[in-house]
């Protein structure tokens, strides 16, 4: 009986799901960017003029955004808040952006 309980506990402990970097990036985008940008594979940006995330690779190589995200993205328009991201946030957001680019 103890062996069965031990196995049940072990199986429950190992079945805990850890979010992927893509999922973490999607959550970051929803929380911090979705108010202005279309962050999914379809739809218009809520703020006209804010680029849809799925088309960012048409403007910039996605991997080149890492440095800007680490140093702080500053734009010429006042509606865009300045963000400085931690390395794991950058990796997650870039993974998400790569996953949704229009091909």
C-alpha atoms as a PDB file:
ATOM      1  CA  UNK A   1       0.000   0.000   0.000  1.00  0.00           C
ATOM      2  CA  UNK A   2       2.804   2.430   0.868  1.00  0.00           C
ATOM      3  CA  UNK A   3       4.459   1.708  -2.457  1.00  0.00           C
ATOM      4  CA  UNK A   4       1.230   2.532  -4.311  1.00  0.00           C
ATOM      5  CA  UNK A   5       0.884   5.814  -2.422  1.00  0.00           C
ATOM      6  CA  UNK A   6       4.516   6.673  -3.090  1.00  0.00           C
ATOM      7  CA  UNK A   7       4.013   6.030  -6.820  1.00  0.00           C
ATOM      8  CA  UNK A   8       0.858   8.148  -6.869  1.00  0.00           C
ATOM      9  CA  UNK A   9       2.653  11.050  -5.190  1.00  0.00           C
ATOM     10  CA  UNK A  10       5.591  10.709  -7.577  1.00  0.00           C
ATOM     11  CA  UNK A  11       3.331  10.691 -10.637  1.00  0.00           C
ATOM     12  CA  UNK A  12       1.443  13.762  -9.438  1.00  0.00           C
ATOM     13  CA  UNK A  13       4.663  15.615  -8.723  1.00  0.00           C
ATOM     14  CA  UNK A  14       6.119  14.893 -12.158  1.00  0.00           C
ATOM     15  CA  UNK A  15       2.961  15.778 -14.063  1.00  0.00           C
ATOM     16  CA  UNK A  16       3.115  19.440 -13.063  1.00  0.00           C
ATOM     17  CA  UNK A  17       3.332  21.390 -16.270  1.00  0.00           C
ATOM     18  CA  UNK A  18       5.933  24.100 -16.711  1.00  0.00           C
ATOM     19  CA  UNK A  19       4.998  26.855 -19.144  1.00  0.00           C
ATOM     20  CA  UNK A  20       7.058  27.045 -22.309  1.00  0.00           C
ATOM     21  CA  UNK A  21       8.952  30.212 -23.213  1.00  0.00           C
ATOM     22  CA  UNK A  22       6.403  30.786 -25.986  1.00  0.00           C
ATOM     23  CA  UNK A  23       3.535  30.646 -23.480  1.00  0.00           C
ATOM     24  CA  UNK A  24       5.418  32.926 -21.071  1.00  0.00           C
ATOM     25  CA  UNK A  25       6.000  35.364 -23.934  1.00  0.00           C
ATOM     26  CA  UNK A  26       2.330  35.286 -24.910  1.00  0.00           C
ATOM     27  CA  UNK A  27       1.321  36.071 -21.332  1.00  0.00           C
ATOM     28  CA  UNK A  28       3.834  38.928 -21.170  1.00  0.00           C
ATOM     29  CA  UNK A  29       2.476  40.347 -24.442  1.00  0.00           C
ATOM     30  CA  UNK A  30      -1.132  40.069 -23.251  1.00  0.00           C
ATOM     31  CA  UNK A  31      -0.341  41.826 -19.987  1.00  0.00           C
ATOM     32  CA  UNK A  32       1.923  44.571 -21.307  1.00  0.00           C
ATOM     33  CA  UNK A  33       1.287  45.029 -25.021  1.00  0.00           C
ATOM     34  CA  UNK A  34      -2.228  43.889 -25.921  1.00  0.00           C
ATOM     35  CA  UNK A  35      -3.869  47.170 -24.992  1.00  0.00           C
ATOM     36  CA  UNK A  36      -2.347  48.736 -28.118  1.00  0.00           C
ATOM     37  CA  UNK A  37      -0.946  45.953 -30.327  1.00  0.00           C
ATOM     38  CA  UNK A  38      -2.576  42.973 -31.998  1.00  0.00           C
ATOM     39  CA  UNK A  39      -0.557  40.256 -30.302  1.00  0.00           C
ATOM     40  CA  UNK A  40      -2.036  37.159 -31.942  1.00  0.00           C
ATOM     41  CA  UNK A  41      -1.967  35.550 -35.367  1.00  0.00           C
ATOM     42  CA  UNK A  42      -4.924  37.642 -36.538  1.00  0.00           C
ATOM     43  CA  UNK A  43      -6.889  40.769 -35.759  1.00  0.00           C
ATOM     44  CA  UNK A  44      -6.250  44.485 -35.830  1.00  0.00           C
ATOM     45  CA  UNK A  45      -4.316  46.436 -33.240  1.00  0.00           C
ATOM     46  CA  UNK A  46      -6.615  48.251 -30.794  1.00  0.00           C
ATOM     47  CA  UNK A  47      -4.530  51.413 -31.285  1.00  0.00           C
ATOM     48  CA  UNK A  48      -4.390  52.447 -34.943  1.00  0.00           C
ATOM     49  CA  UNK A  49      -0.774  52.724 -36.013  1.00  0.00           C
ATOM     50  CA  UNK A  50       0.520  50.212 -33.458  1.00  0.00           C
ATOM     51  CA  UNK A  51       2.064  47.403 -35.501  1.00  0.00           C
ATOM     52  CA  UNK A  52       0.588  43.943 -35.187  1.00  0.00           C
ATOM     53  CA  UNK A  53       3.111  41.627 -33.561  1.00  0.00           C
ATOM     54  CA  UNK A  54       2.625  38.990 -36.274  1.00  0.00           C
ATOM     55  CA  UNK A  55       4.106  41.404 -38.852  1.00  0.00           C
ATOM     56  CA  UNK A  56       7.076  42.731 -36.859  1.00  0.00           C
ATOM     57  CA  UNK A  57       9.523  40.643 -38.893  1.00  0.00           C
ATOM     58  CA  UNK A  58       8.548  42.717 -41.944  1.00  0.00           C
ATOM     59  CA  UNK A  59      10.044  45.757 -40.181  1.00  0.00           C
ATOM     60  CA  UNK A  60      12.836  44.297 -38.049  1.00  0.00           C
ATOM     61  CA  UNK A  61      14.724  41.048 -37.690  1.00  0.00           C
ATOM     62  CA  UNK A  62      13.094  39.628 -34.537  1.00  0.00           C
ATOM     63  CA  UNK A  63      16.444  38.649 -33.020  1.00  0.00           C
ATOM     64  CA  UNK A  64      17.626  42.278 -33.292  1.00  0.00           C
ATOM     65  CA  UNK A  65      14.921  43.310 -30.832  1.00  0.00           C
ATOM     66  CA  UNK A  66      16.739  41.608 -27.938  1.00  0.00           C
ATOM     67  CA  UNK A  67      19.157  44.488 -27.413  1.00  0.00           C
ATOM     68  CA  UNK A  68      16.421  47.108 -27.633  1.00  0.00           C
ATOM     69  CA  UNK A  69      14.303  45.202 -25.115  1.00  0.00           C
ATOM     70  CA  UNK A  70      17.269  44.899 -22.734  1.00  0.00           C
ATOM     71  CA  UNK A  71      18.201  48.572 -22.956  1.00  0.00           C
ATOM     72  CA  UNK A  72      14.665  49.913 -23.104  1.00  0.00           C
ATOM     73  CA  UNK A  73      12.483  50.553 -26.109  1.00  0.00           C
ATOM     74  CA  UNK A  74      11.875  54.253 -26.547  1.00  0.00           C
ATOM     75  CA  UNK A  75       9.685  55.487 -29.383  1.00  0.00           C
ATOM     76  CA  UNK A  76       8.908  58.876 -30.815  1.00  0.00           C
ATOM     77  CA  UNK A  77       5.282  58.748 -29.753  1.00  0.00           C
ATOM     78  CA  UNK A  78       4.113  59.282 -26.163  1.00  0.00           C
ATOM     79  CA  UNK A  79       1.584  56.427 -26.127  1.00  0.00           C
ATOM     80  CA  UNK A  80       4.291  53.739 -25.990  1.00  0.00           C
ATOM     81  CA  UNK A  81       5.569  53.167 -22.466  1.00  0.00           C
ATOM     82  CA  UNK A  82       9.262  52.485 -21.970  1.00  0.00           C
ATOM     83  CA  UNK A  83      10.059  48.874 -21.115  1.00  0.00           C
ATOM     84  CA  UNK A  84      13.292  47.355 -19.849  1.00  0.00           C
ATOM     85  CA  UNK A  85      12.996  43.570 -19.744  1.00  0.00           C
ATOM     86  CA  UNK A  86      14.891  40.912 -17.840  1.00  0.00           C
ATOM     87  CA  UNK A  87      16.828  38.356 -19.955  1.00  0.00           C
ATOM     88  CA  UNK A  88      14.267  35.582 -19.374  1.00  0.00           C
ATOM     89  CA  UNK A  89      11.425  37.947 -20.348  1.00  0.00           C
ATOM     90  CA  UNK A  90      13.286  38.866 -23.535  1.00  0.00           C
ATOM     91  CA  UNK A  91      13.840  35.218 -24.446  1.00  0.00           C
ATOM     92  CA  UNK A  92      10.187  34.414 -23.808  1.00  0.00           C
ATOM     93  CA  UNK A  93       8.835  37.388 -25.757  1.00  0.00           C
ATOM     94  CA  UNK A  94      11.141  36.753 -28.719  1.00  0.00           C
ATOM     95  CA  UNK A  95      10.164  33.072 -28.735  1.00  0.00           C
ATOM     96  CA  UNK A  96       6.523  34.098 -28.836  1.00  0.00           C
ATOM     97  CA  UNK A  97       7.091  36.691 -31.565  1.00  0.00           C
ATOM     98  CA  UNK A  98       8.926  34.138 -33.717  1.00  0.00           C
ATOM     99  CA  UNK A  99       6.051  31.698 -33.269  1.00  0.00           C
ATOM    100  CA  UNK A 100       3.393  34.060 -34.637  1.00  0.00           C
ATOM    101  CA  UNK A 101       5.131  35.725 -37.569  1.00  0.00           C
ATOM    102  CA  UNK A 102       3.090  35.762 -40.771  1.00  0.00           C
ATOM    103  CA  UNK A 103       4.833  33.564 -43.293  1.00  0.00           C
END
